[in-house]
């Protein structure tokens, strides 16, 4: 099978022009088939504020009501996505901007209200138009990739009932990696502003080189890994369980796979 590298890049990198340019230079140098999945939450917050729309977050997750859904659809699927596509085209890459709704590549279900611990209290939270991924269509993506196209996927999906859903980009990257694993030798890379998963958040060089399920349980139990890094590693482990060759969490400018934290099965 041919090799495929899937890079997921977070909003903090996407929304910093210098970091984005470095990321895209590094991405352009990746040999073989590739695709990009991106975030963009900070830009959505700024655009919402300029329109007088309040951004509400619960434990780092965005509440997506009708107004906010319009904002994230415009920002993720339009402003951020097409900016990345244009810059990749300038680097000679044949890129195609997509959401999960395009070609029905990622189908989700709307998240039901959940009991969530907020500041020590349990609250029922309705996240609104937020999607939890049900399936990804690897065959559709493989047809694009096989045709020499580099998909650039925004963090939006649909429910098959005509509704766009705001969806976590890490989860989407893991889902498409799993769907493409039977068709390619897939490497999934989570690229962000740190060198990898850090043992000490105040020491950028304290990168944990390897995480397996057993190691993750220990790191989670002792608090070394917490917050937003937990779902990132959980998505990475889910991908390896589904046959993804290799998952790397690394610096956005280090997409050669030689640095960062490797996630794998034992």
Protein backbone atom coordinates (compact mmCIF):
# COMPACT_ATOMS: atom_id res chain seq x y z
CA UNK A 1 0.00 0.00 0.00
CA UNK A 2 1.02 3.59 -0.57
CA UNK A 3 1.90 5.94 2.27
CA UNK A 4 -0.45 8.70 3.44
CA UNK A 5 0.32 11.40 6.00
CA UNK A 6 -2.62 13.13 7.68
CA UNK A 7 -1.71 16.32 9.54
CA UNK A 8 -4.09 17.93 12.00
CA UNK A 9 -3.12 21.48 12.93
CA UNK A 10 -4.68 23.47 15.75
CA UNK A 11 -6.12 26.96 15.71
CA UNK A 12 -3.24 28.53 17.63
CA UNK A 13 -0.94 27.73 14.69
CA UNK A 14 -3.48 28.41 11.94
CA UNK A 15 -4.23 31.87 13.31
CA UNK A 16 -0.61 33.00 13.70
CA UNK A 17 0.64 34.04 10.27
CA UNK A 18 4.31 33.25 10.87
CA UNK A 19 3.56 29.83 12.40
CA UNK A 20 1.12 29.01 9.60
CA UNK A 21 3.70 29.84 6.93
CA UNK A 22 6.24 27.57 8.64
CA UNK A 23 3.66 24.81 9.01
CA UNK A 24 2.71 24.95 5.34
CA UNK A 25 6.37 24.95 4.27
CA UNK A 26 6.91 21.84 6.40
CA UNK A 27 3.69 20.25 5.10
CA UNK A 28 4.68 20.91 1.48
CA UNK A 29 7.91 18.97 2.01
CA UNK A 30 6.10 15.79 3.09
CA UNK A 31 6.62 13.14 0.42
CA UNK A 32 3.80 11.03 -0.94
CA UNK A 33 0.08 11.40 -0.37
CA UNK A 34 -1.10 13.82 2.31
CA UNK A 35 -4.08 15.68 3.70
CA UNK A 36 -4.65 18.43 6.25
CA UNK A 37 -7.32 18.82 8.94
CA UNK A 38 -7.46 22.20 10.69
CA UNK A 39 -9.05 24.06 13.57
CA UNK A 40 -9.74 27.77 13.94
CA UNK A 41 -11.58 28.43 17.18
CA UNK A 42 -9.77 31.63 18.13
CA UNK A 43 -10.61 33.25 14.81
CA UNK A 44 -14.26 32.26 15.28
CA UNK A 45 -14.26 33.92 18.71
CA UNK A 46 -12.86 37.15 17.23
CA UNK A 47 -15.34 37.24 14.35
CA UNK A 48 -18.24 36.49 16.70
CA UNK A 49 -17.18 39.36 18.98
CA UNK A 50 -17.04 41.75 16.01
CA UNK A 51 -20.64 40.78 15.23
CA UNK A 52 -21.76 41.24 18.83
CA UNK A 53 -22.20 37.51 19.40
CA UNK A 54 -21.01 36.15 22.76
CA UNK A 55 -18.80 33.06 22.77
CA UNK A 56 -19.75 30.65 25.55
CA UNK A 57 -17.39 27.86 26.54
CA UNK A 58 -17.78 24.98 29.00
CA UNK A 59 -14.55 23.19 29.96
CA UNK A 60 -12.94 24.46 26.78
CA UNK A 61 -15.79 23.33 24.52
CA UNK A 62 -17.79 25.86 22.51
CA UNK A 63 -21.55 26.15 22.96
CA UNK A 64 -22.83 26.35 19.37
CA UNK A 65 -26.27 27.95 19.11
CA UNK A 66 -27.80 29.05 15.78
CA UNK A 67 -25.90 32.33 15.66
CA UNK A 68 -22.59 30.73 16.57
CA UNK A 69 -23.19 27.96 14.03
CA UNK A 70 -23.41 30.60 11.30
CA UNK A 71 -20.14 32.11 12.53
CA UNK A 72 -18.16 28.85 12.69
CA UNK A 73 -19.50 27.76 9.30
CA UNK A 74 -18.31 31.02 7.74
CA UNK A 75 -14.99 31.08 9.57
CA UNK A 76 -13.97 27.41 9.45
CA UNK A 77 -15.40 26.46 6.07
CA UNK A 78 -14.66 29.80 4.41
CA UNK A 79 -12.14 32.21 5.87
CA UNK A 80 -9.68 29.79 7.46
CA UNK A 81 -10.08 26.91 5.01
CA UNK A 82 -9.72 28.92 1.82
CA UNK A 83 -6.79 30.89 3.21
CA UNK A 84 -4.94 27.60 3.76
CA UNK A 85 -5.94 26.29 0.32
CA UNK A 86 -4.67 29.45 -1.41
CA UNK A 87 -1.35 29.29 0.41
CA UNK A 88 -0.89 25.61 -0.47
CA UNK A 89 -1.65 26.35 -4.12
CA UNK A 90 1.09 29.01 -3.99
CA UNK A 91 3.45 26.19 -2.97
CA UNK A 92 2.49 24.09 -5.98
CA UNK A 93 0.10 21.79 -4.10
CA UNK A 94 -3.23 20.85 -5.71
CA UNK A 95 -5.44 21.46 -2.65
CA UNK A 96 -9.20 21.13 -2.25
CA UNK A 97 -11.00 22.70 0.71
CA UNK A 98 -13.75 20.56 2.25
CA UNK A 99 -15.99 20.19 5.26
CA UNK A 100 -17.30 16.86 6.47
CA UNK A 101 -20.57 17.62 4.68
CA UNK A 102 -18.88 17.74 1.27
CA UNK A 103 -19.14 14.39 -0.54
CA UNK A 104 -20.67 13.07 2.71
CA UNK A 105 -17.15 12.34 3.92
CA UNK A 106 -17.93 12.67 7.65
CA UNK A 107 -21.34 12.04 9.15
CA UNK A 108 -22.08 13.01 12.76
CA UNK A 109 -24.95 12.99 15.23
CA UNK A 110 -25.91 16.04 17.24
CA UNK A 111 -24.61 15.76 20.78
CA UNK A 112 -27.28 15.25 23.42
CA UNK A 113 -27.24 17.38 26.60
CA UNK A 114 -24.63 16.02 28.96
CA UNK A 115 -24.03 16.08 32.71
CA UNK A 116 -20.75 18.01 33.03
CA UNK A 117 -18.64 18.90 36.06
CA UNK A 118 -18.20 22.68 36.01
CA UNK A 119 -16.21 24.25 38.87
CA UNK A 120 -17.03 21.33 41.14
CA UNK A 121 -20.75 21.32 40.32
CA UNK A 122 -22.60 18.95 38.02
CA UNK A 123 -24.60 20.78 35.36
CA UNK A 124 -26.64 19.60 32.38
CA UNK A 125 -25.08 21.30 29.37
CA UNK A 126 -26.66 21.55 25.92
CA UNK A 127 -23.79 22.17 23.49
CA UNK A 128 -26.20 23.02 20.68
CA UNK A 129 -25.15 22.22 17.13
CA UNK A 130 -22.09 20.18 18.05
CA UNK A 131 -21.45 16.89 16.29
CA UNK A 132 -20.00 13.61 17.50
CA UNK A 133 -18.55 11.66 14.59
CA UNK A 134 -20.40 8.50 13.56
CA UNK A 135 -18.49 7.55 10.42
CA UNK A 136 -16.01 8.75 7.81
CA UNK A 137 -15.98 7.68 4.15
CA UNK A 138 -12.48 6.52 3.32
CA UNK A 139 -13.39 5.52 -0.23
CA UNK A 140 -14.47 9.04 -1.21
CA UNK A 141 -11.32 10.55 0.28
CA UNK A 142 -9.16 7.87 -1.36
CA UNK A 143 -10.57 8.76 -4.77
CA UNK A 144 -9.52 12.38 -4.27
CA UNK A 145 -6.11 11.47 -2.88
CA UNK A 146 -5.49 8.93 -5.64
CA UNK A 147 -6.21 11.67 -8.17
CA UNK A 148 -3.37 13.79 -6.83
CA UNK A 149 -5.59 16.08 -4.75
CA UNK A 150 -4.64 17.18 -1.22
CA UNK A 151 -7.84 17.50 0.86
CA UNK A 152 -7.93 20.36 3.39
CA UNK A 153 -10.72 19.59 5.84
CA UNK A 154 -12.46 22.16 8.07
CA UNK A 155 -13.92 21.14 11.48
CA UNK A 156 -17.55 20.92 10.34
CA UNK A 157 -19.65 17.83 9.67
CA UNK A 158 -23.33 17.11 8.96
CA UNK A 159 -26.03 14.84 10.32
CA UNK A 160 -27.67 13.68 7.09
CA UNK A 161 -30.78 15.67 8.01
CA UNK A 162 -29.62 18.96 6.50
CA UNK A 163 -27.81 20.30 9.58
CA UNK A 164 -24.19 21.45 9.74
CA UNK A 165 -22.50 20.54 13.03
CA UNK A 166 -19.47 22.08 14.74
CA UNK A 167 -17.10 19.15 15.31
CA UNK A 168 -13.80 18.65 17.12
CA UNK A 169 -10.95 18.66 14.61
CA UNK A 170 -8.86 16.10 16.54
CA UNK A 171 -11.77 13.67 16.45
CA UNK A 172 -12.28 14.28 12.74
CA UNK A 173 -8.59 13.67 12.00
CA UNK A 174 -8.67 10.41 13.96
CA UNK A 175 -11.87 9.32 12.16
CA UNK A 176 -10.52 9.92 8.65
CA UNK A 177 -7.23 8.24 9.57
CA UNK A 178 -9.15 5.16 10.72
CA UNK A 179 -11.30 5.16 7.57
CA UNK A 180 -8.22 5.39 5.34
CA UNK A 181 -6.11 2.84 7.25
CA UNK A 182 -7.36 -0.14 5.17
CA UNK A 183 -6.38 1.72 1.99
CA UNK A 184 -3.04 3.35 2.85
CA UNK A 185 -0.16 3.06 5.30
CA UNK A 186 -1.37 6.00 7.40
CA UNK A 187 0.71 8.25 9.63
CA UNK A 188 -1.40 10.68 11.67
CA UNK A 189 0.31 13.79 13.01
CA UNK A 190 -1.17 16.21 15.54
CA UNK A 191 0.81 19.41 14.96
CA UNK A 192 0.65 22.24 17.47
CA UNK A 193 2.79 24.86 19.22
CA UNK A 194 4.73 22.47 21.51
CA UNK A 195 7.44 19.91 20.73
CA UNK A 196 5.24 17.04 21.89
CA UNK A 197 3.50 15.83 25.04
CA UNK A 198 5.45 17.40 27.90
CA UNK A 199 6.24 15.82 31.27
CA UNK A 200 6.63 19.35 32.65
CA UNK A 201 4.47 22.04 31.01
CA UNK A 202 7.04 24.68 31.98
CA UNK A 203 9.88 22.84 30.23
CA UNK A 204 9.51 22.73 26.44
CA UNK A 205 12.25 20.12 26.22
CA UNK A 206 10.58 17.60 28.57
CA UNK A 207 9.02 15.69 25.69
CA UNK A 208 7.65 12.22 26.52
CA UNK A 209 9.01 10.15 23.59
CA UNK A 210 6.51 7.27 23.66
CA UNK A 211 2.97 6.74 24.96
CA UNK A 212 1.22 3.36 24.95
CA UNK A 213 -2.16 2.63 26.58
CA UNK A 214 -0.45 1.54 29.83
CA UNK A 215 1.79 4.61 29.91
CA UNK A 216 -1.21 6.85 29.19
CA UNK A 217 -3.14 5.41 32.13
CA UNK A 218 -0.22 6.21 34.44
CA UNK A 219 0.26 9.73 33.07
CA UNK A 220 -3.46 10.42 33.42
CA UNK A 221 -3.63 9.03 36.95
CA UNK A 222 -0.71 11.10 38.25
CA UNK A 223 -1.86 14.28 36.50
CA UNK A 224 1.13 14.57 34.15
CA UNK A 225 -1.32 14.67 31.25
CA UNK A 226 -4.53 16.65 31.71
CA UNK A 227 -6.88 19.14 30.09
CA UNK A 228 -7.04 19.35 26.31
CA UNK A 229 -4.19 16.87 25.87
CA UNK A 230 -6.36 14.02 27.20
CA UNK A 231 -8.80 13.85 24.26
CA UNK A 232 -5.91 14.34 21.82
CA UNK A 233 -4.14 11.24 23.15
CA UNK A 234 -7.43 9.32 23.38
CA UNK A 235 -8.08 10.08 19.70
CA UNK A 236 -4.52 9.03 18.87
CA UNK A 237 -4.88 5.70 20.70
CA UNK A 238 -8.25 5.06 19.02
CA UNK A 239 -6.55 5.55 15.64
CA UNK A 240 -3.80 3.04 16.43
CA UNK A 241 -6.37 0.50 17.62
CA UNK A 242 -8.11 0.85 14.24
CA UNK A 243 -4.95 0.13 12.26
CA UNK A 244 -3.28 3.51 11.79
CA UNK A 245 0.44 2.79 11.44
CA UNK A 246 1.77 5.61 13.57
CA UNK A 247 0.57 8.69 15.43
CA UNK A 248 2.90 11.56 16.30
CA UNK A 249 2.16 14.62 18.44
CA UNK A 250 4.74 17.24 17.51
CA UNK A 251 5.71 20.81 16.76
CA UNK A 252 3.99 22.29 13.71
CA UNK A 253 7.33 22.86 12.00
CA UNK A 254 8.61 19.32 12.65
CA UNK A 255 6.55 17.23 10.27
CA UNK A 256 9.44 14.98 9.29
CA UNK A 257 8.35 12.59 12.05
CA UNK A 258 11.73 12.59 13.76
CA UNK A 259 10.63 14.60 16.78
CA UNK A 260 7.72 14.66 19.17
CA UNK A 261 5.74 12.03 21.03
CA UNK A 262 4.92 8.75 19.30
CA UNK A 263 1.62 7.09 20.21
CA UNK A 264 1.38 3.38 19.52
CA UNK A 265 0.00 0.09 20.66
CA UNK A 266 2.33 -2.06 22.80
